[in-house]
Amino acid sequence: MDEDTFDEYERNLELALFREYRDIVTQFRYVIETERRFYLANTVDLQRRDTEHDFYFELTMNDVWVWDIYRSNRFVKQVRVLTFKDVNVEELASEQFELPKELALDE
């Protein structure tokens, strides 16, 4: 496979992933971003865990969709993440479910 073919393949995967996200985002309540992944989830529990010299975050999510281009199944029942890095959790408002017309993709 030459480089151009591989680049085209990756672009098609990314476009398919974006379309999947666009189609399913209304089914979820939260957007969660960690240093490694982007998630959609319906329940989120974020706990700060203190150790003797530091702290970390324990993040548990249920009914999850994982933004990962190479996963064959992006829907997961439960995800648990332990991280020393920042975690961003946002609750989606219903108006956020609608994409602006300029971002809407024709099938």
N, C-alpha and C. Protein backbone atom coordinates (compact mmCIF):
# COMPACT_ATOMS: atom_id res chain seq x y z
N MET A 1 0.86 -1.17 0.00
CA MET A 1 0.00 0.00 0.00
C MET A 1 0.90 1.23 0.00
N ASP A 2 0.73 2.11 -0.99
CA ASP A 2 1.56 3.31 -1.02
C ASP A 2 1.04 4.36 -0.04
N GLU A 3 1.83 5.39 0.19
CA GLU A 3 1.50 6.40 1.20
C GLU A 3 0.21 7.15 0.90
N ASP A 4 -0.04 7.48 -0.36
CA ASP A 4 -1.27 8.18 -0.72
C ASP A 4 -2.51 7.32 -0.45
N THR A 5 -2.41 6.05 -0.76
CA THR A 5 -3.52 5.13 -0.51
C THR A 5 -3.79 5.02 0.98
N PHE A 6 -2.72 4.93 1.77
CA PHE A 6 -2.87 4.85 3.22
C PHE A 6 -3.47 6.14 3.78
N ASP A 7 -3.03 7.30 3.30
CA ASP A 7 -3.59 8.58 3.74
C ASP A 7 -5.07 8.69 3.41
N GLU A 8 -5.44 8.25 2.22
CA GLU A 8 -6.85 8.26 1.82
C GLU A 8 -7.68 7.33 2.71
N TYR A 9 -7.12 6.16 3.01
CA TYR A 9 -7.78 5.20 3.90
C TYR A 9 -8.01 5.83 5.28
N GLU A 10 -7.00 6.49 5.84
CA GLU A 10 -7.13 7.14 7.15
C GLU A 10 -8.15 8.27 7.10
N ARG A 11 -8.15 9.06 6.05
CA ARG A 11 -9.14 10.14 5.92
C ARG A 11 -10.56 9.57 5.90
N ASN A 12 -10.75 8.49 5.18
CA ASN A 12 -12.07 7.86 5.13
C ASN A 12 -12.49 7.32 6.49
N LEU A 13 -11.54 6.74 7.24
CA LEU A 13 -11.84 6.27 8.60
C LEU A 13 -12.23 7.44 9.50
N GLU A 14 -11.50 8.54 9.42
CA GLU A 14 -11.79 9.71 10.25
C GLU A 14 -13.16 10.30 9.90
N LEU A 15 -13.48 10.36 8.64
CA LEU A 15 -14.78 10.88 8.21
C LEU A 15 -15.91 9.97 8.70
N ALA A 16 -15.71 8.66 8.60
CA ALA A 16 -16.72 7.71 9.09
C ALA A 16 -16.89 7.84 10.60
N LEU A 17 -15.80 8.05 11.32
CA LEU A 17 -15.87 8.23 12.77
C LEU A 17 -16.63 9.50 13.12
N PHE A 18 -16.35 10.59 12.42
CA PHE A 18 -17.07 11.83 12.67
C PHE A 18 -18.56 11.66 12.38
N ARG A 19 -18.88 11.00 11.31
CA ARG A 19 -20.30 10.77 10.98
C ARG A 19 -20.98 9.93 12.05
N GLU A 20 -20.28 8.92 12.56
CA GLU A 20 -20.83 8.10 13.63
C GLU A 20 -21.07 8.96 14.87
N TYR A 21 -20.10 9.77 15.22
CA TYR A 21 -20.23 10.68 16.37
C TYR A 21 -21.45 11.59 16.19
N ARG A 22 -21.56 12.18 15.02
CA ARG A 22 -22.68 13.08 14.72
C ARG A 22 -24.03 12.37 14.89
N ASP A 23 -24.08 11.11 14.49
CA ASP A 23 -25.32 10.36 14.54
C ASP A 23 -25.69 9.89 15.95
N ILE A 24 -24.71 9.71 16.83
CA ILE A 24 -25.01 9.13 18.15
C ILE A 24 -24.88 10.11 19.31
N VAL A 25 -24.35 11.28 19.11
CA VAL A 25 -24.08 12.21 20.22
C VAL A 25 -25.35 12.52 21.02
N THR A 26 -26.50 12.53 20.38
CA THR A 26 -27.75 12.86 21.08
C THR A 26 -28.16 11.78 22.08
N GLN A 27 -27.53 10.63 22.04
CA GLN A 27 -27.85 9.54 22.95
C GLN A 27 -27.08 9.64 24.27
N PHE A 28 -26.21 10.64 24.40
CA PHE A 28 -25.34 10.73 25.56
C PHE A 28 -25.50 12.06 26.28
N ARG A 29 -25.14 12.04 27.56
CA ARG A 29 -25.32 13.21 28.41
C ARG A 29 -24.02 13.98 28.66
N TYR A 30 -22.89 13.29 28.62
CA TYR A 30 -21.60 13.91 28.96
C TYR A 30 -20.57 13.70 27.86
N VAL A 31 -19.68 14.68 27.75
CA VAL A 31 -18.47 14.58 26.93
C VAL A 31 -17.32 14.58 27.92
N ILE A 32 -16.43 13.60 27.78
CA ILE A 32 -15.30 13.48 28.69
C ILE A 32 -14.03 13.42 27.86
N GLU A 33 -13.04 14.22 28.28
CA GLU A 33 -11.77 14.24 27.58
C GLU A 33 -10.64 14.00 28.57
N THR A 34 -9.81 13.02 28.26
CA THR A 34 -8.61 12.75 29.05
C THR A 34 -7.41 13.01 28.14
N GLU A 35 -6.21 12.80 28.66
CA GLU A 35 -5.02 13.03 27.85
C GLU A 35 -4.90 12.01 26.72
N ARG A 36 -5.60 10.88 26.84
CA ARG A 36 -5.47 9.82 25.84
C ARG A 36 -6.69 9.59 24.97
N ARG A 37 -7.89 9.94 25.48
CA ARG A 37 -9.11 9.59 24.77
C ARG A 37 -10.18 10.66 24.93
N PHE A 38 -11.18 10.53 24.06
CA PHE A 38 -12.39 11.35 24.08
C PHE A 38 -13.55 10.37 24.20
N TYR A 39 -14.49 10.64 25.12
CA TYR A 39 -15.60 9.73 25.37
C TYR A 39 -16.92 10.48 25.37
N LEU A 40 -17.98 9.75 25.07
CA LEU A 40 -19.35 10.17 25.35
C LEU A 40 -19.87 9.17 26.36
N ALA A 41 -20.61 9.64 27.38
CA ALA A 41 -21.12 8.73 28.39
C ALA A 41 -22.43 9.27 28.97
N ASN A 42 -23.19 8.37 29.57
CA ASN A 42 -24.43 8.78 30.22
C ASN A 42 -24.29 8.96 31.72
N THR A 43 -23.32 8.29 32.34
CA THR A 43 -23.01 8.55 33.74
C THR A 43 -21.51 8.66 33.90
N VAL A 44 -21.10 9.57 34.80
CA VAL A 44 -19.69 9.83 35.04
C VAL A 44 -19.48 10.01 36.53
N ASP A 45 -18.44 9.37 37.05
CA ASP A 45 -18.04 9.56 38.43
C ASP A 45 -16.55 9.89 38.42
N LEU A 46 -16.19 11.09 38.85
CA LEU A 46 -14.80 11.54 38.89
C LEU A 46 -14.40 11.75 40.34
N GLN A 47 -13.38 11.01 40.77
CA GLN A 47 -12.91 11.10 42.16
C GLN A 47 -11.43 11.45 42.18
N ARG A 48 -11.08 12.38 43.06
CA ARG A 48 -9.67 12.67 43.29
C ARG A 48 -9.19 11.71 44.38
N ARG A 49 -8.08 11.03 44.11
CA ARG A 49 -7.49 10.09 45.07
C ARG A 49 -6.14 10.66 45.52
N ASP A 50 -6.01 10.87 46.82
CA ASP A 50 -4.76 11.41 47.36
C ASP A 50 -3.85 10.28 47.82
N THR A 51 -2.58 10.44 47.52
CA THR A 51 -1.55 9.52 48.00
C THR A 51 -0.65 10.31 48.94
N GLU A 52 0.37 9.69 49.43
CA GLU A 52 1.25 10.36 50.39
C GLU A 52 1.91 11.61 49.82
N HIS A 53 2.31 11.56 48.55
CA HIS A 53 3.05 12.68 47.96
C HIS A 53 2.40 13.29 46.73
N ASP A 54 1.27 12.77 46.32
CA ASP A 54 0.67 13.24 45.08
C ASP A 54 -0.83 12.91 45.09
N PHE A 55 -1.47 13.07 43.97
CA PHE A 55 -2.87 12.67 43.81
C PHE A 55 -3.08 12.23 42.37
N TYR A 56 -4.17 11.52 42.15
CA TYR A 56 -4.55 11.11 40.81
C TYR A 56 -6.07 11.13 40.73
N PHE A 57 -6.59 10.99 39.53
CA PHE A 57 -8.03 10.96 39.31
C PHE A 57 -8.46 9.55 38.93
N GLU A 58 -9.58 9.15 39.49
CA GLU A 58 -10.23 7.90 39.09
C GLU A 58 -11.55 8.27 38.45
N LEU A 59 -11.69 7.90 37.21
CA LEU A 59 -12.86 8.25 36.41
C LEU A 59 -13.57 6.97 36.02
N THR A 60 -14.85 6.88 36.37
CA THR A 60 -15.66 5.72 35.99
C THR A 60 -16.83 6.22 35.17
N MET A 61 -17.02 5.61 34.00
CA MET A 61 -18.09 6.01 33.09
C MET A 61 -18.91 4.77 32.71
N ASN A 62 -20.20 4.96 32.55
CA ASN A 62 -21.09 3.88 32.13
C ASN A 62 -21.82 4.28 30.86
N ASP A 63 -22.16 3.27 30.06
CA ASP A 63 -22.85 3.50 28.79
C ASP A 63 -22.02 4.46 27.95
N VAL A 64 -20.90 3.97 27.43
CA VAL A 64 -19.84 4.81 26.87
C VAL A 64 -19.64 4.56 25.38
N TRP A 65 -19.31 5.64 24.69
CA TRP A 65 -18.85 5.56 23.30
C TRP A 65 -17.44 6.15 23.29
N VAL A 66 -16.48 5.44 22.70
CA VAL A 66 -15.08 5.85 22.70
C VAL A 66 -14.68 6.36 21.33
N TRP A 67 -14.12 7.57 21.28
CA TRP A 67 -13.61 8.12 20.02
C TRP A 67 -12.26 7.47 19.76
N ASP A 68 -12.25 6.46 18.94
CA ASP A 68 -11.02 5.75 18.60
C ASP A 68 -11.21 5.15 17.22
N ILE A 69 -10.46 5.64 16.30
CA ILE A 69 -10.61 5.29 14.90
C ILE A 69 -10.36 3.80 14.64
N TYR A 70 -9.54 3.16 15.47
CA TYR A 70 -9.14 1.79 15.20
C TYR A 70 -9.90 0.74 16.00
N ARG A 71 -10.85 1.16 16.82
CA ARG A 71 -11.66 0.18 17.57
C ARG A 71 -12.76 -0.37 16.68
N SER A 72 -12.96 -1.66 16.73
CA SER A 72 -14.05 -2.24 15.93
C SER A 72 -15.39 -2.01 16.61
N ASN A 73 -15.41 -1.95 17.95
CA ASN A 73 -16.63 -1.69 18.69
C ASN A 73 -16.37 -0.53 19.65
N ARG A 74 -16.95 0.62 19.34
CA ARG A 74 -16.71 1.80 20.16
C ARG A 74 -17.70 1.93 21.32
N PHE A 75 -18.73 1.11 21.35
CA PHE A 75 -19.69 1.15 22.46
C PHE A 75 -19.22 0.20 23.56
N VAL A 76 -19.11 0.75 24.78
CA VAL A 76 -18.58 -0.01 25.91
C VAL A 76 -19.53 0.17 27.10
N LYS A 77 -19.74 -0.91 27.84
CA LYS A 77 -20.64 -0.85 28.99
C LYS A 77 -20.07 0.01 30.11
N GLN A 78 -18.79 -0.16 30.44
CA GLN A 78 -18.16 0.62 31.50
C GLN A 78 -16.69 0.85 31.18
N VAL A 79 -16.21 2.05 31.52
CA VAL A 79 -14.81 2.39 31.34
C VAL A 79 -14.31 2.98 32.65
N ARG A 80 -13.12 2.54 33.06
CA ARG A 80 -12.47 3.08 34.25
C ARG A 80 -11.10 3.60 33.83
N VAL A 81 -10.81 4.85 34.19
CA VAL A 81 -9.55 5.49 33.83
C VAL A 81 -8.89 5.99 35.11
N LEU A 82 -7.60 5.71 35.25
CA LEU A 82 -6.78 6.28 36.33
C LEU A 82 -5.75 7.17 35.67
N THR A 83 -5.65 8.43 36.12
CA THR A 83 -4.74 9.36 35.46
C THR A 83 -4.23 10.41 36.42
N PHE A 84 -3.01 10.84 36.18
CA PHE A 84 -2.42 11.97 36.89
C PHE A 84 -2.64 13.26 36.12
N LYS A 85 -3.16 13.14 34.92
CA LYS A 85 -3.36 14.30 34.03
C LYS A 85 -4.76 14.87 34.20
N ASP A 86 -4.99 16.00 33.54
CA ASP A 86 -6.28 16.67 33.60
C ASP A 86 -7.39 15.81 33.00
N VAL A 87 -8.59 15.97 33.54
CA VAL A 87 -9.79 15.34 33.01
C VAL A 87 -10.83 16.44 32.84
N ASN A 88 -11.44 16.49 31.68
CA ASN A 88 -12.47 17.48 31.40
C ASN A 88 -13.80 16.76 31.21
N VAL A 89 -14.81 17.15 32.02
CA VAL A 89 -16.14 16.57 31.92
C VAL A 89 -17.11 17.70 31.65
N GLU A 90 -17.87 17.57 30.58
CA GLU A 90 -18.87 18.58 30.22
C GLU A 90 -20.22 17.91 30.05
N GLU A 91 -21.24 18.54 30.63
CA GLU A 91 -22.60 18.05 30.42
C GLU A 91 -23.14 18.71 29.16
N LEU A 92 -23.65 17.90 28.26
CA LEU A 92 -24.18 18.41 27.01
C LEU A 92 -25.55 19.04 27.21
N ALA A 93 -25.76 20.17 26.59
CA ALA A 93 -27.08 20.78 26.54
C ALA A 93 -27.74 20.35 25.24
N SER A 94 -29.05 20.31 25.22
CA SER A 94 -29.75 19.80 24.04
C SER A 94 -29.41 20.59 22.79
N GLU A 95 -29.15 21.90 22.90
CA GLU A 95 -28.82 22.67 21.69
C GLU A 95 -27.43 22.32 21.16
N GLN A 96 -26.58 21.69 21.98
CA GLN A 96 -25.27 21.27 21.50
C GLN A 96 -25.37 20.05 20.59
N PHE A 97 -26.49 19.39 20.58
CA PHE A 97 -26.65 18.19 19.77
C PHE A 97 -26.78 18.52 18.29
N GLU A 98 -27.17 19.73 17.99
CA GLU A 98 -27.37 20.12 16.60
C GLU A 98 -26.06 20.69 16.05
N LEU A 99 -25.59 20.14 14.96
CA LEU A 99 -24.40 20.67 14.31
C LEU A 99 -24.77 21.89 13.47
N PRO A 100 -23.91 22.90 13.45
CA PRO A 100 -24.16 24.02 12.54
C PRO A 100 -24.25 23.52 11.11
N LYS A 101 -25.05 24.20 10.30
CA LYS A 101 -25.27 23.76 8.93
C LYS A 101 -23.97 23.63 8.14
N GLU A 102 -23.00 24.51 8.42
CA GLU A 102 -21.75 24.45 7.67
C GLU A 102 -20.92 23.21 8.02
N LEU A 103 -21.21 22.57 9.18
CA LEU A 103 -20.50 21.35 9.54
C LEU A 103 -21.28 20.08 9.16
N ALA A 104 -22.53 20.23 8.85
CA ALA A 104 -23.34 19.06 8.48
C ALA A 104 -22.79 18.47 7.20
N LEU A 105 -22.63 17.17 7.19
CA LEU A 105 -22.09 16.50 6.01
C LEU A 105 -23.20 15.80 5.26
N ASP A 106 -23.19 15.96 3.96
CA ASP A 106 -24.14 15.23 3.14
C ASP A 106 -23.66 13.79 3.01
N GLU A 107 -24.57 12.88 3.12
CA GLU A 107 -24.21 11.45 3.05
C GLU A 107 -23.86 11.06 1.64
